[in-house]
């Protein structure tokens, strides 16, 4: 990547709107060893949720609520976010973040558990947007659930789609990078989806359900 392109990427990240509450949630994530979405990725989530008029959203990977807060800020005021995390402590901090943001409890359905188990219990074609924010090993098993849950016109969003900027390097063949590549191929080859890969943050794969 050219120096100019690196500067452009950094400029986009630095230009993304952030506030004190998001900064605090990011500090909490660092303390817990959780990697939140980047500022530009968070802004993209807000824009996508708003563009889709997403009233029903599923998020895999609650963390400390950085992604959730971005999504809820883009969703209509009556929208409900279902957010899933295997770590109960993460969700406790996320709930605190959202409470501090003035988000009504009725707008958030936080579910603790293994994402695959929870996703399998959710209703087909009932959601406007599904966001997969986790490591490639988990994400690879959730894509089919995500497609199943989406209504026609709904959005599937895969965060960390470039996985540490390693996906584009053919010499990288570790398990995580290989799985991230497979996720991309799976989404691109699915006739039910139209997709694009964006270099925002650590890579964001966006697909619309036909």
N, C-alpha and C. Protein backbone atom coordinates (compact mmCIF):
# COMPACT_ATOMS: atom_id res chain seq x y z
N UNK A 1 0.85 -1.19 0.00
CA UNK A 1 0.00 0.00 0.00
C UNK A 1 0.88 1.23 0.00
N UNK A 2 0.54 2.21 -0.84
CA UNK A 2 1.33 3.43 -0.91
C UNK A 2 1.21 4.23 0.37
N UNK A 3 2.18 5.11 0.57
CA UNK A 3 2.14 5.97 1.75
C UNK A 3 0.91 6.86 1.72
N UNK A 4 0.53 7.33 0.52
CA UNK A 4 -0.66 8.18 0.40
C UNK A 4 -1.92 7.41 0.79
N UNK A 5 -2.00 6.14 0.36
CA UNK A 5 -3.16 5.34 0.71
C UNK A 5 -3.23 5.10 2.22
N UNK A 6 -2.08 4.87 2.84
CA UNK A 6 -2.06 4.69 4.29
C UNK A 6 -2.51 5.96 5.00
N UNK A 7 -2.11 7.10 4.49
CA UNK A 7 -2.53 8.37 5.07
C UNK A 7 -4.04 8.56 4.91
N UNK A 8 -4.54 8.18 3.74
CA UNK A 8 -5.98 8.31 3.50
C UNK A 8 -6.77 7.43 4.47
N UNK A 9 -6.29 6.20 4.67
CA UNK A 9 -6.95 5.30 5.60
C UNK A 9 -6.96 5.89 7.00
N UNK A 10 -5.80 6.39 7.44
CA UNK A 10 -5.70 6.99 8.77
C UNK A 10 -6.60 8.22 8.89
N UNK A 11 -6.67 9.01 7.82
CA UNK A 11 -7.52 10.21 7.84
C UNK A 11 -8.98 9.82 8.01
N UNK A 12 -9.41 8.76 7.31
CA UNK A 12 -10.80 8.31 7.44
C UNK A 12 -11.10 7.87 8.87
N UNK A 13 -10.17 7.14 9.48
CA UNK A 13 -10.39 6.68 10.85
C UNK A 13 -10.45 7.85 11.82
N UNK A 14 -9.55 8.81 11.63
CA UNK A 14 -9.48 9.95 12.55
C UNK A 14 -10.65 10.91 12.35
N UNK A 15 -11.25 10.89 11.16
CA UNK A 15 -12.37 11.79 10.87
C UNK A 15 -13.70 11.26 11.37
N UNK A 16 -13.74 9.99 11.71
CA UNK A 16 -15.00 9.40 12.18
C UNK A 16 -15.41 10.04 13.50
N UNK A 17 -16.66 10.46 13.61
CA UNK A 17 -17.10 11.13 14.84
C UNK A 17 -17.05 10.20 16.05
N UNK A 18 -16.45 10.70 17.12
CA UNK A 18 -16.38 9.97 18.38
C UNK A 18 -16.75 10.94 19.50
N UNK A 19 -17.25 10.41 20.59
CA UNK A 19 -17.57 11.26 21.73
C UNK A 19 -17.00 10.63 23.00
N UNK A 20 -17.22 11.30 24.12
CA UNK A 20 -16.63 10.83 25.37
C UNK A 20 -17.14 9.46 25.78
N UNK A 21 -18.41 9.17 25.49
CA UNK A 21 -18.97 7.88 25.88
C UNK A 21 -18.35 6.75 25.06
N UNK A 22 -18.17 6.96 23.77
CA UNK A 22 -17.51 5.95 22.95
C UNK A 22 -16.07 5.76 23.38
N UNK A 23 -15.41 6.87 23.72
CA UNK A 23 -14.02 6.77 24.19
C UNK A 23 -13.94 5.96 25.47
N UNK A 24 -14.90 6.17 26.38
CA UNK A 24 -14.94 5.41 27.62
C UNK A 24 -15.18 3.93 27.35
N UNK A 25 -16.10 3.63 26.44
CA UNK A 25 -16.38 2.23 26.11
C UNK A 25 -15.15 1.56 25.51
N UNK A 26 -14.39 2.33 24.73
CA UNK A 26 -13.15 1.78 24.15
C UNK A 26 -12.10 1.52 25.24
N UNK A 27 -12.03 2.40 26.22
CA UNK A 27 -11.11 2.19 27.34
C UNK A 27 -11.49 0.93 28.11
N UNK A 28 -12.77 0.73 28.32
CA UNK A 28 -13.22 -0.47 29.01
C UNK A 28 -12.88 -1.72 28.20
N UNK A 29 -13.02 -1.62 26.88
CA UNK A 29 -12.67 -2.76 26.03
C UNK A 29 -11.19 -3.10 26.16
N UNK A 30 -10.35 -2.08 26.19
CA UNK A 30 -8.91 -2.31 26.32
C UNK A 30 -8.60 -3.00 27.65
N UNK A 31 -9.28 -2.60 28.71
CA UNK A 31 -9.06 -3.20 30.02
C UNK A 31 -9.46 -4.67 30.04
N UNK A 32 -10.49 -5.02 29.27
CA UNK A 32 -10.99 -6.39 29.24
C UNK A 32 -10.31 -7.24 28.16
N UNK A 33 -9.46 -6.60 27.36
CA UNK A 33 -8.81 -7.33 26.28
C UNK A 33 -9.73 -7.60 25.11
N UNK A 34 -10.73 -6.73 24.93
CA UNK A 34 -11.69 -6.87 23.84
C UNK A 34 -11.32 -5.87 22.74
N UNK A 35 -11.40 -6.31 21.48
CA UNK A 35 -11.09 -5.42 20.36
C UNK A 35 -12.40 -4.86 19.79
N UNK A 36 -12.69 -3.58 20.02
CA UNK A 36 -13.93 -3.01 19.49
C UNK A 36 -13.78 -2.69 18.01
N UNK A 37 -14.89 -2.40 17.35
CA UNK A 37 -14.82 -1.94 15.97
C UNK A 37 -14.07 -0.61 15.93
N UNK A 38 -13.39 -0.34 14.83
CA UNK A 38 -12.66 0.91 14.69
C UNK A 38 -13.65 2.07 14.59
N UNK A 39 -13.20 3.31 14.81
CA UNK A 39 -14.11 4.46 14.69
C UNK A 39 -14.82 4.53 13.34
N UNK A 40 -14.08 4.33 12.24
CA UNK A 40 -14.71 4.41 10.93
C UNK A 40 -15.68 3.25 10.70
N UNK A 41 -15.34 2.06 11.22
CA UNK A 41 -16.25 0.93 11.11
C UNK A 41 -17.52 1.20 11.90
N UNK A 42 -17.38 1.77 13.09
CA UNK A 42 -18.55 2.13 13.88
C UNK A 42 -19.45 3.11 13.15
N UNK A 43 -18.84 4.13 12.54
CA UNK A 43 -19.63 5.10 11.78
C UNK A 43 -20.34 4.44 10.61
N UNK A 44 -19.66 3.48 9.97
CA UNK A 44 -20.28 2.75 8.87
C UNK A 44 -21.49 1.97 9.36
N UNK A 45 -21.39 1.34 10.52
CA UNK A 45 -22.53 0.62 11.08
C UNK A 45 -23.71 1.54 11.31
N UNK A 46 -23.44 2.74 11.81
CA UNK A 46 -24.51 3.72 12.03
C UNK A 46 -25.19 4.07 10.71
N UNK A 47 -24.39 4.33 9.69
CA UNK A 47 -24.93 4.71 8.39
C UNK A 47 -25.73 3.57 7.77
N UNK A 48 -25.20 2.34 7.84
CA UNK A 48 -25.90 1.20 7.26
C UNK A 48 -27.23 0.93 7.98
N UNK A 49 -27.20 1.02 9.30
CA UNK A 49 -28.45 0.81 10.05
C UNK A 49 -29.48 1.88 9.70
N UNK A 50 -29.02 3.11 9.52
CA UNK A 50 -29.93 4.17 9.14
C UNK A 50 -30.46 4.00 7.72
N UNK A 51 -29.58 3.65 6.79
CA UNK A 51 -29.99 3.48 5.40
C UNK A 51 -30.97 2.33 5.24
N UNK A 52 -30.80 1.30 6.04
CA UNK A 52 -31.69 0.13 5.96
C UNK A 52 -32.97 0.31 6.78
N UNK A 53 -33.08 1.44 7.50
CA UNK A 53 -34.20 1.65 8.43
C UNK A 53 -34.36 0.41 9.30
N UNK A 54 -33.25 -0.05 9.84
CA UNK A 54 -33.19 -1.34 10.53
C UNK A 54 -33.87 -1.28 11.90
N UNK A 55 -35.02 -1.89 12.00
CA UNK A 55 -35.76 -1.94 13.26
C UNK A 55 -35.46 -3.20 14.06
N UNK A 56 -34.95 -4.21 13.39
CA UNK A 56 -34.60 -5.47 14.06
C UNK A 56 -33.20 -5.87 13.61
N UNK A 57 -32.25 -5.83 14.54
CA UNK A 57 -30.84 -6.07 14.22
C UNK A 57 -30.30 -7.13 15.17
N UNK A 58 -29.46 -8.01 14.63
CA UNK A 58 -28.74 -9.00 15.43
C UNK A 58 -27.26 -8.67 15.37
N UNK A 59 -26.62 -8.65 16.52
CA UNK A 59 -25.18 -8.42 16.61
C UNK A 59 -24.54 -9.61 17.33
N UNK A 60 -23.55 -10.23 16.71
CA UNK A 60 -22.78 -11.28 17.36
C UNK A 60 -21.46 -10.66 17.80
N UNK A 61 -21.24 -10.63 19.12
CA UNK A 61 -20.04 -10.01 19.67
C UNK A 61 -20.37 -8.67 20.30
N UNK A 62 -20.89 -8.70 21.52
CA UNK A 62 -21.32 -7.47 22.19
C UNK A 62 -20.14 -6.62 22.63
N UNK A 63 -19.08 -7.27 23.15
CA UNK A 63 -17.96 -6.52 23.70
C UNK A 63 -18.44 -5.59 24.79
N UNK A 64 -17.91 -4.38 24.82
CA UNK A 64 -18.33 -3.40 25.83
C UNK A 64 -19.36 -2.42 25.28
N UNK A 65 -19.95 -2.75 24.13
CA UNK A 65 -21.06 -1.95 23.63
C UNK A 65 -20.71 -0.90 22.59
N UNK A 66 -19.48 -0.90 22.09
CA UNK A 66 -19.09 0.11 21.09
C UNK A 66 -19.91 -0.07 19.82
N UNK A 67 -19.92 -1.28 19.28
CA UNK A 67 -20.69 -1.54 18.08
C UNK A 67 -22.18 -1.36 18.31
N UNK A 68 -22.66 -1.84 19.45
CA UNK A 68 -24.09 -1.72 19.77
C UNK A 68 -24.53 -0.27 19.80
N UNK A 69 -23.73 0.59 20.40
CA UNK A 69 -24.08 2.00 20.49
C UNK A 69 -24.13 2.63 19.11
N UNK A 70 -23.17 2.29 18.26
CA UNK A 70 -23.19 2.81 16.89
C UNK A 70 -24.44 2.33 16.15
N UNK A 71 -24.78 1.07 16.29
CA UNK A 71 -25.96 0.54 15.61
C UNK A 71 -27.23 1.22 16.09
N UNK A 72 -27.38 1.34 17.40
CA UNK A 72 -28.60 1.93 17.95
C UNK A 72 -28.75 3.39 17.56
N UNK A 73 -27.64 4.09 17.39
CA UNK A 73 -27.71 5.48 16.97
C UNK A 73 -28.19 5.62 15.53
N UNK A 74 -28.02 4.57 14.73
CA UNK A 74 -28.51 4.61 13.36
C UNK A 74 -29.90 4.06 13.19
N UNK A 75 -30.33 3.23 14.11
CA UNK A 75 -31.64 2.58 14.01
C UNK A 75 -32.76 3.55 14.37
N UNK A 76 -33.98 3.33 13.87
CA UNK A 76 -35.12 4.14 14.30
C UNK A 76 -35.33 4.02 15.81
N UNK A 77 -36.03 4.99 16.36
CA UNK A 77 -36.20 5.04 17.82
C UNK A 77 -36.96 3.85 18.38
N UNK A 78 -37.70 3.14 17.54
CA UNK A 78 -38.42 1.96 18.00
C UNK A 78 -37.68 0.67 17.64
N UNK A 79 -36.45 0.79 17.13
CA UNK A 79 -35.68 -0.38 16.75
C UNK A 79 -35.17 -1.16 17.96
N UNK A 80 -35.03 -2.47 17.79
CA UNK A 80 -34.56 -3.34 18.87
C UNK A 80 -33.31 -4.09 18.39
N UNK A 81 -32.27 -4.03 19.20
CA UNK A 81 -31.02 -4.72 18.93
C UNK A 81 -30.94 -5.98 19.78
N UNK A 82 -30.74 -7.11 19.13
CA UNK A 82 -30.45 -8.36 19.82
C UNK A 82 -28.95 -8.58 19.74
N UNK A 83 -28.28 -8.54 20.88
CA UNK A 83 -26.82 -8.65 20.89
C UNK A 83 -26.38 -9.86 21.70
N UNK A 84 -25.45 -10.62 21.16
CA UNK A 84 -25.08 -11.93 21.71
C UNK A 84 -23.60 -11.94 22.06
N UNK A 85 -23.27 -12.46 23.23
CA UNK A 85 -21.87 -12.62 23.61
C UNK A 85 -21.74 -13.80 24.55
N UNK A 86 -20.64 -14.50 24.43
CA UNK A 86 -20.40 -15.67 25.28
C UNK A 86 -19.84 -15.27 26.64
N UNK A 87 -19.41 -14.01 26.78
CA UNK A 87 -18.83 -13.53 28.03
C UNK A 87 -19.84 -12.65 28.76
N UNK A 88 -20.33 -13.12 29.90
CA UNK A 88 -21.32 -12.36 30.66
C UNK A 88 -20.75 -11.02 31.14
N UNK A 89 -19.47 -11.00 31.49
CA UNK A 89 -18.87 -9.75 31.97
C UNK A 89 -18.87 -8.69 30.89
N UNK A 90 -18.62 -9.09 29.65
CA UNK A 90 -18.67 -8.13 28.55
C UNK A 90 -20.05 -7.49 28.47
N UNK A 91 -21.08 -8.31 28.57
CA UNK A 91 -22.42 -7.77 28.45
C UNK A 91 -22.79 -6.86 29.62
N UNK A 92 -22.26 -7.15 30.79
CA UNK A 92 -22.52 -6.26 31.92
C UNK A 92 -21.98 -4.86 31.63
N UNK A 93 -20.76 -4.81 31.09
CA UNK A 93 -20.17 -3.51 30.76
C UNK A 93 -20.91 -2.85 29.60
N UNK A 94 -21.34 -3.63 28.64
CA UNK A 94 -22.09 -3.08 27.51
C UNK A 94 -23.41 -2.46 27.99
N UNK A 95 -24.09 -3.15 28.89
CA UNK A 95 -25.34 -2.61 29.42
C UNK A 95 -25.09 -1.29 30.14
N UNK A 96 -23.96 -1.21 30.85
CA UNK A 96 -23.62 0.04 31.52
C UNK A 96 -23.38 1.15 30.50
N UNK A 97 -22.67 0.83 29.43
CA UNK A 97 -22.42 1.82 28.38
C UNK A 97 -23.73 2.33 27.79
N UNK A 98 -24.63 1.41 27.47
CA UNK A 98 -25.88 1.80 26.84
C UNK A 98 -26.79 2.56 27.79
N UNK A 99 -26.75 2.21 29.06
CA UNK A 99 -27.53 2.96 30.06
C UNK A 99 -27.01 4.39 30.16
N UNK A 100 -25.69 4.53 30.19
CA UNK A 100 -25.08 5.87 30.25
C UNK A 100 -25.41 6.70 29.00
N UNK A 101 -25.67 6.00 27.89
CA UNK A 101 -26.03 6.70 26.65
C UNK A 101 -27.51 7.06 26.60
N UNK A 102 -28.26 6.65 27.60
CA UNK A 102 -29.68 6.95 27.62
C UNK A 102 -30.52 6.04 26.76
N UNK A 103 -29.98 4.87 26.40
CA UNK A 103 -30.73 3.91 25.59
C UNK A 103 -31.75 3.18 26.48
N UNK A 104 -33.00 3.18 26.06
CA UNK A 104 -34.03 2.50 26.84
C UNK A 104 -33.77 1.00 26.88
N UNK A 105 -33.94 0.36 28.05
CA UNK A 105 -33.71 -1.08 28.15
C UNK A 105 -34.55 -1.90 27.17
N UNK A 106 -35.73 -1.41 26.80
CA UNK A 106 -36.60 -2.14 25.89
C UNK A 106 -36.04 -2.20 24.47
N UNK A 107 -35.02 -1.41 24.19
CA UNK A 107 -34.45 -1.40 22.84
C UNK A 107 -33.31 -2.41 22.69
N UNK A 108 -32.93 -3.06 23.77
CA UNK A 108 -31.78 -3.97 23.72
C UNK A 108 -32.17 -5.32 24.32
N UNK A 109 -31.94 -6.36 23.57
CA UNK A 109 -32.13 -7.73 24.06
C UNK A 109 -30.74 -8.37 24.10
N UNK A 110 -30.13 -8.35 25.27
CA UNK A 110 -28.78 -8.91 25.43
C UNK A 110 -28.91 -10.38 25.83
N UNK A 111 -28.29 -11.25 25.03
CA UNK A 111 -28.38 -12.69 25.28
C UNK A 111 -26.99 -13.24 25.51
N UNK A 112 -26.80 -13.86 26.64
CA UNK A 112 -25.53 -14.48 26.98
C UNK A 112 -25.55 -15.93 26.52
N UNK A 113 -24.52 -16.33 25.80
CA UNK A 113 -24.44 -17.71 25.36
C UNK A 113 -23.60 -17.86 24.11
N UNK A 114 -23.46 -19.08 23.66
CA UNK A 114 -22.73 -19.37 22.43
C UNK A 114 -23.56 -18.90 21.24
N UNK A 115 -22.92 -18.14 20.36
CA UNK A 115 -23.67 -17.51 19.28
C UNK A 115 -24.40 -18.52 18.40
N UNK A 116 -23.75 -19.63 18.09
CA UNK A 116 -24.40 -20.62 17.24
C UNK A 116 -25.68 -21.15 17.85
N UNK A 117 -25.66 -21.37 19.16
CA UNK A 117 -26.86 -21.87 19.84
C UNK A 117 -27.98 -20.83 19.82
N UNK A 118 -27.60 -19.57 20.07
CA UNK A 118 -28.61 -18.51 20.11
C UNK A 118 -29.17 -18.24 18.72
N UNK A 119 -28.31 -18.13 17.73
CA UNK A 119 -28.76 -17.84 16.37
C UNK A 119 -29.73 -18.90 15.86
N UNK A 120 -29.48 -20.14 16.22
CA UNK A 120 -30.35 -21.23 15.74
C UNK A 120 -31.77 -21.11 16.27
N UNK A 121 -31.96 -20.34 17.33
CA UNK A 121 -33.30 -20.18 17.92
C UNK A 121 -34.03 -18.94 17.43
N UNK A 122 -33.36 -18.11 16.66
CA UNK A 122 -33.99 -16.88 16.17
C UNK A 122 -34.82 -17.16 14.91
N UNK A 123 -35.79 -16.30 14.66
CA UNK A 123 -36.79 -16.51 13.61
C UNK A 123 -36.25 -16.19 12.22
N UNK A 124 -36.55 -17.06 11.27
CA UNK A 124 -36.14 -16.86 9.88
C UNK A 124 -36.74 -15.56 9.31
N UNK A 125 -35.94 -14.88 8.48
CA UNK A 125 -36.40 -13.71 7.70
C UNK A 125 -37.06 -12.64 8.56
N UNK A 126 -36.63 -12.51 9.80
CA UNK A 126 -37.27 -11.57 10.72
C UNK A 126 -36.41 -10.34 11.03
N UNK A 127 -35.22 -10.25 10.42
CA UNK A 127 -34.28 -9.19 10.79
C UNK A 127 -33.85 -8.37 9.58
N UNK A 128 -33.61 -7.10 9.85
CA UNK A 128 -33.20 -6.16 8.81
C UNK A 128 -31.68 -6.12 8.63
N UNK A 129 -30.96 -6.56 9.65
CA UNK A 129 -29.50 -6.44 9.61
C UNK A 129 -28.90 -7.44 10.59
N UNK A 130 -27.85 -8.13 10.15
CA UNK A 130 -27.10 -9.05 11.01
C UNK A 130 -25.64 -8.65 10.94
N UNK A 131 -25.03 -8.41 12.10
CA UNK A 131 -23.63 -7.99 12.18
C UNK A 131 -22.83 -9.08 12.88
N UNK A 132 -21.82 -9.59 12.21
CA UNK A 132 -20.95 -10.62 12.76
C UNK A 132 -19.61 -9.98 13.10
N UNK A 133 -19.35 -9.82 14.38
CA UNK A 133 -18.13 -9.14 14.85
C UNK A 133 -17.40 -10.09 15.79
N UNK A 134 -16.53 -10.88 15.23
CA UNK A 134 -15.80 -11.83 16.05
C UNK A 134 -14.62 -12.39 15.28
N UNK A 135 -14.00 -13.42 15.84
CA UNK A 135 -12.86 -14.03 15.16
C UNK A 135 -13.36 -14.87 13.99
N UNK A 136 -12.51 -15.09 12.97
CA UNK A 136 -12.95 -15.83 11.78
C UNK A 136 -13.45 -17.23 12.07
N UNK A 137 -12.89 -17.90 13.08
CA UNK A 137 -13.31 -19.26 13.38
C UNK A 137 -14.79 -19.30 13.74
N UNK A 138 -15.22 -18.33 14.54
CA UNK A 138 -16.63 -18.27 14.88
C UNK A 138 -17.48 -17.80 13.73
N UNK A 139 -17.01 -16.74 13.06
CA UNK A 139 -17.80 -16.13 11.99
C UNK A 139 -18.10 -17.11 10.87
N UNK A 140 -17.15 -17.98 10.56
CA UNK A 140 -17.35 -18.93 9.46
C UNK A 140 -18.57 -19.81 9.68
N UNK A 141 -18.91 -20.05 10.94
CA UNK A 141 -20.06 -20.89 11.24
C UNK A 141 -21.36 -20.13 11.37
N UNK A 142 -21.29 -18.79 11.33
CA UNK A 142 -22.49 -17.98 11.56
C UNK A 142 -23.08 -17.38 10.30
N UNK A 143 -22.34 -17.43 9.19
CA UNK A 143 -22.81 -16.77 7.97
C UNK A 143 -24.14 -17.36 7.51
N UNK A 144 -24.26 -18.68 7.48
CA UNK A 144 -25.50 -19.29 7.03
C UNK A 144 -26.67 -18.89 7.93
N UNK A 145 -26.44 -18.83 9.23
CA UNK A 145 -27.49 -18.34 10.14
C UNK A 145 -27.86 -16.91 9.78
N UNK A 146 -26.86 -16.09 9.52
CA UNK A 146 -27.13 -14.69 9.20
C UNK A 146 -28.00 -14.54 7.97
N UNK A 147 -27.70 -15.29 6.93
CA UNK A 147 -28.50 -15.23 5.71
C UNK A 147 -29.93 -15.69 5.99
N UNK A 148 -30.06 -16.75 6.75
CA UNK A 148 -31.39 -17.28 7.08
C UNK A 148 -32.24 -16.28 7.83
N UNK A 149 -31.62 -15.51 8.69
CA UNK A 149 -32.36 -14.58 9.54
C UNK A 149 -32.81 -13.32 8.81
N UNK A 150 -32.18 -13.00 7.69
CA UNK A 150 -32.45 -11.73 7.01
C UNK A 150 -33.71 -11.78 6.15
N UNK A 151 -34.44 -10.70 6.19
CA UNK A 151 -35.53 -10.49 5.23
C UNK A 151 -34.92 -10.11 3.88
N UNK A 152 -35.67 -10.24 2.79
CA UNK A 152 -35.17 -9.73 1.50
C UNK A 152 -34.85 -8.24 1.61
N UNK A 153 -33.68 -7.85 1.15
CA UNK A 153 -33.24 -6.47 1.28
C UNK A 153 -32.45 -6.20 2.54
N UNK A 154 -32.40 -7.20 3.43
CA UNK A 154 -31.64 -7.03 4.68
C UNK A 154 -30.14 -7.11 4.44
N UNK A 155 -29.39 -6.61 5.41
CA UNK A 155 -27.94 -6.50 5.28
C UNK A 155 -27.21 -7.48 6.19
N UNK A 156 -26.23 -8.17 5.61
CA UNK A 156 -25.28 -8.98 6.38
C UNK A 156 -23.96 -8.22 6.41
N UNK A 157 -23.42 -7.99 7.61
CA UNK A 157 -22.19 -7.23 7.77
C UNK A 157 -21.19 -8.08 8.55
N UNK A 158 -20.02 -8.33 7.94
CA UNK A 158 -18.97 -9.10 8.59
C UNK A 158 -17.80 -8.17 8.88
N UNK A 159 -17.51 -7.98 10.15
CA UNK A 159 -16.41 -7.11 10.58
C UNK A 159 -15.12 -7.95 10.65
N UNK A 160 -13.98 -7.29 10.56
CA UNK A 160 -12.67 -7.96 10.56
C UNK A 160 -12.53 -8.88 9.34
N UNK A 161 -13.12 -8.46 8.23
CA UNK A 161 -13.11 -9.30 7.03
C UNK A 161 -11.73 -9.40 6.39
N UNK A 162 -10.83 -8.47 6.70
CA UNK A 162 -9.46 -8.54 6.18
C UNK A 162 -8.49 -9.10 7.21
N UNK A 163 -8.97 -9.37 8.38
CA UNK A 163 -8.24 -10.01 9.49
C UNK A 163 -6.77 -9.58 9.58
N UNK A 164 -6.59 -8.49 10.32
CA UNK A 164 -5.24 -7.95 10.57
C UNK A 164 -4.50 -7.60 9.26
N UNK A 165 -5.27 -7.29 8.22
CA UNK A 165 -4.70 -6.97 6.89
C UNK A 165 -3.90 -8.13 6.32
N UNK A 166 -4.28 -9.34 6.68
CA UNK A 166 -3.54 -10.52 6.23
C UNK A 166 -4.25 -11.28 5.10
N UNK A 167 -5.55 -11.03 4.93
CA UNK A 167 -6.32 -11.79 3.94
C UNK A 167 -5.77 -11.59 2.52
N UNK A 168 -5.33 -10.38 2.23
CA UNK A 168 -4.84 -10.08 0.89
C UNK A 168 -3.44 -10.59 0.60
N UNK A 169 -2.76 -11.12 1.59
CA UNK A 169 -1.40 -11.62 1.43
C UNK A 169 -1.45 -13.13 1.23
N UNK A 170 -1.20 -13.63 0.01
CA UNK A 170 -1.31 -15.08 -0.23
C UNK A 170 -0.32 -15.91 0.56
N UNK A 171 0.73 -15.27 1.09
CA UNK A 171 1.71 -16.01 1.88
C UNK A 171 1.19 -16.33 3.28
N UNK A 172 0.14 -15.63 3.71
CA UNK A 172 -0.43 -15.87 5.03
C UNK A 172 -1.39 -17.05 4.96
N UNK A 173 -1.03 -18.15 5.65
CA UNK A 173 -1.85 -19.35 5.58
C UNK A 173 -2.20 -19.89 6.95
N UNK A 174 -2.14 -19.05 7.98
CA UNK A 174 -2.54 -19.49 9.31
C UNK A 174 -4.05 -19.73 9.31
N UNK A 175 -4.51 -20.42 10.33
CA UNK A 175 -5.91 -20.84 10.37
C UNK A 175 -6.88 -19.66 10.33
N UNK A 176 -6.63 -18.63 11.14
CA UNK A 176 -7.56 -17.51 11.21
C UNK A 176 -7.67 -16.81 9.86
N UNK A 177 -6.51 -16.56 9.21
CA UNK A 177 -6.53 -15.88 7.92
C UNK A 177 -7.21 -16.74 6.87
N UNK A 178 -6.93 -18.03 6.86
CA UNK A 178 -7.57 -18.94 5.91
C UNK A 178 -9.08 -18.95 6.08
N UNK A 179 -9.54 -18.97 7.33
CA UNK A 179 -10.98 -18.96 7.59
C UNK A 179 -11.62 -17.64 7.16
N UNK A 180 -10.92 -16.53 7.39
CA UNK A 180 -11.43 -15.23 6.95
C UNK A 180 -11.60 -15.19 5.43
N UNK A 181 -10.63 -15.76 4.71
CA UNK A 181 -10.74 -15.84 3.25
C UNK A 181 -11.95 -16.70 2.86
N UNK A 182 -12.14 -17.79 3.57
CA UNK A 182 -13.26 -18.68 3.26
C UNK A 182 -14.60 -17.99 3.48
N UNK A 183 -14.68 -17.17 4.53
CA UNK A 183 -15.91 -16.42 4.78
C UNK A 183 -16.20 -15.51 3.59
N UNK A 184 -15.17 -14.80 3.13
CA UNK A 184 -15.35 -13.93 1.98
C UNK A 184 -15.81 -14.68 0.75
N UNK A 185 -15.19 -15.82 0.48
CA UNK A 185 -15.57 -16.62 -0.69
C UNK A 185 -17.01 -17.14 -0.55
N UNK A 186 -17.36 -17.56 0.66
CA UNK A 186 -18.71 -18.07 0.89
C UNK A 186 -19.76 -17.01 0.61
N UNK A 187 -19.53 -15.80 1.11
CA UNK A 187 -20.49 -14.72 0.90
C UNK A 187 -20.55 -14.32 -0.57
N UNK A 188 -19.40 -14.19 -1.22
CA UNK A 188 -19.38 -13.76 -2.62
C UNK A 188 -20.02 -14.77 -3.56
N UNK A 189 -19.94 -16.05 -3.21
CA UNK A 189 -20.46 -17.09 -4.09
C UNK A 189 -21.92 -17.45 -3.81
N UNK A 190 -22.50 -16.85 -2.79
CA UNK A 190 -23.88 -17.16 -2.41
C UNK A 190 -24.84 -16.41 -3.33
N UNK A 191 -25.64 -17.15 -4.10
CA UNK A 191 -26.57 -16.54 -5.04
C UNK A 191 -27.66 -15.73 -4.36
N UNK A 192 -27.82 -15.91 -3.07
CA UNK A 192 -28.85 -15.16 -2.34
C UNK A 192 -28.37 -13.77 -1.95
N UNK A 193 -27.09 -13.48 -2.18
CA UNK A 193 -26.49 -12.24 -1.70
C UNK A 193 -25.82 -11.46 -2.82
N UNK A 194 -25.82 -10.14 -2.68
CA UNK A 194 -24.95 -9.25 -3.45
C UNK A 194 -24.01 -8.60 -2.45
N UNK A 195 -22.70 -8.63 -2.71
CA UNK A 195 -21.77 -8.22 -1.66
C UNK A 195 -20.67 -7.32 -2.19
N UNK A 196 -20.02 -6.63 -1.25
CA UNK A 196 -18.83 -5.84 -1.53
C UNK A 196 -17.94 -5.84 -0.30
N UNK A 197 -16.63 -5.75 -0.54
CA UNK A 197 -15.66 -5.74 0.55
C UNK A 197 -15.05 -4.35 0.64
N UNK A 198 -15.14 -3.75 1.82
CA UNK A 198 -14.64 -2.40 2.05
C UNK A 198 -13.39 -2.45 2.92
N UNK A 199 -12.40 -1.58 2.67
CA UNK A 199 -11.17 -1.59 3.47
C UNK A 199 -11.29 -0.82 4.78
N UNK A 200 -12.49 -0.41 5.14
CA UNK A 200 -12.70 0.34 6.38
C UNK A 200 -12.25 -0.48 7.58
N UNK A 201 -11.53 0.17 8.51
CA UNK A 201 -11.08 -0.52 9.71
C UNK A 201 -10.25 -1.73 9.36
N UNK A 202 -10.65 -2.89 9.89
CA UNK A 202 -9.97 -4.14 9.62
C UNK A 202 -10.68 -4.91 8.51
N UNK A 203 -11.40 -4.17 7.67
CA UNK A 203 -12.15 -4.78 6.58
C UNK A 203 -13.59 -5.04 6.97
N UNK A 204 -14.52 -4.61 6.14
CA UNK A 204 -15.94 -4.83 6.39
C UNK A 204 -16.56 -5.42 5.12
N UNK A 205 -17.12 -6.60 5.23
CA UNK A 205 -17.82 -7.27 4.14
C UNK A 205 -19.31 -6.99 4.30
N UNK A 206 -19.90 -6.35 3.30
CA UNK A 206 -21.32 -5.99 3.35
C UNK A 206 -22.05 -6.70 2.24
N UNK A 207 -23.17 -7.35 2.58
CA UNK A 207 -23.97 -8.06 1.58
C UNK A 207 -25.43 -7.77 1.81
N UNK A 208 -26.19 -7.71 0.71
CA UNK A 208 -27.62 -7.50 0.80
C UNK A 208 -28.30 -8.79 0.38
N UNK A 209 -29.35 -9.17 1.11
CA UNK A 209 -30.13 -10.38 0.82
C UNK A 209 -31.06 -10.10 -0.33
N UNK A 210 -30.97 -10.89 -1.38
CA UNK A 210 -31.83 -10.71 -2.55
C UNK A 210 -33.28 -11.01 -2.21
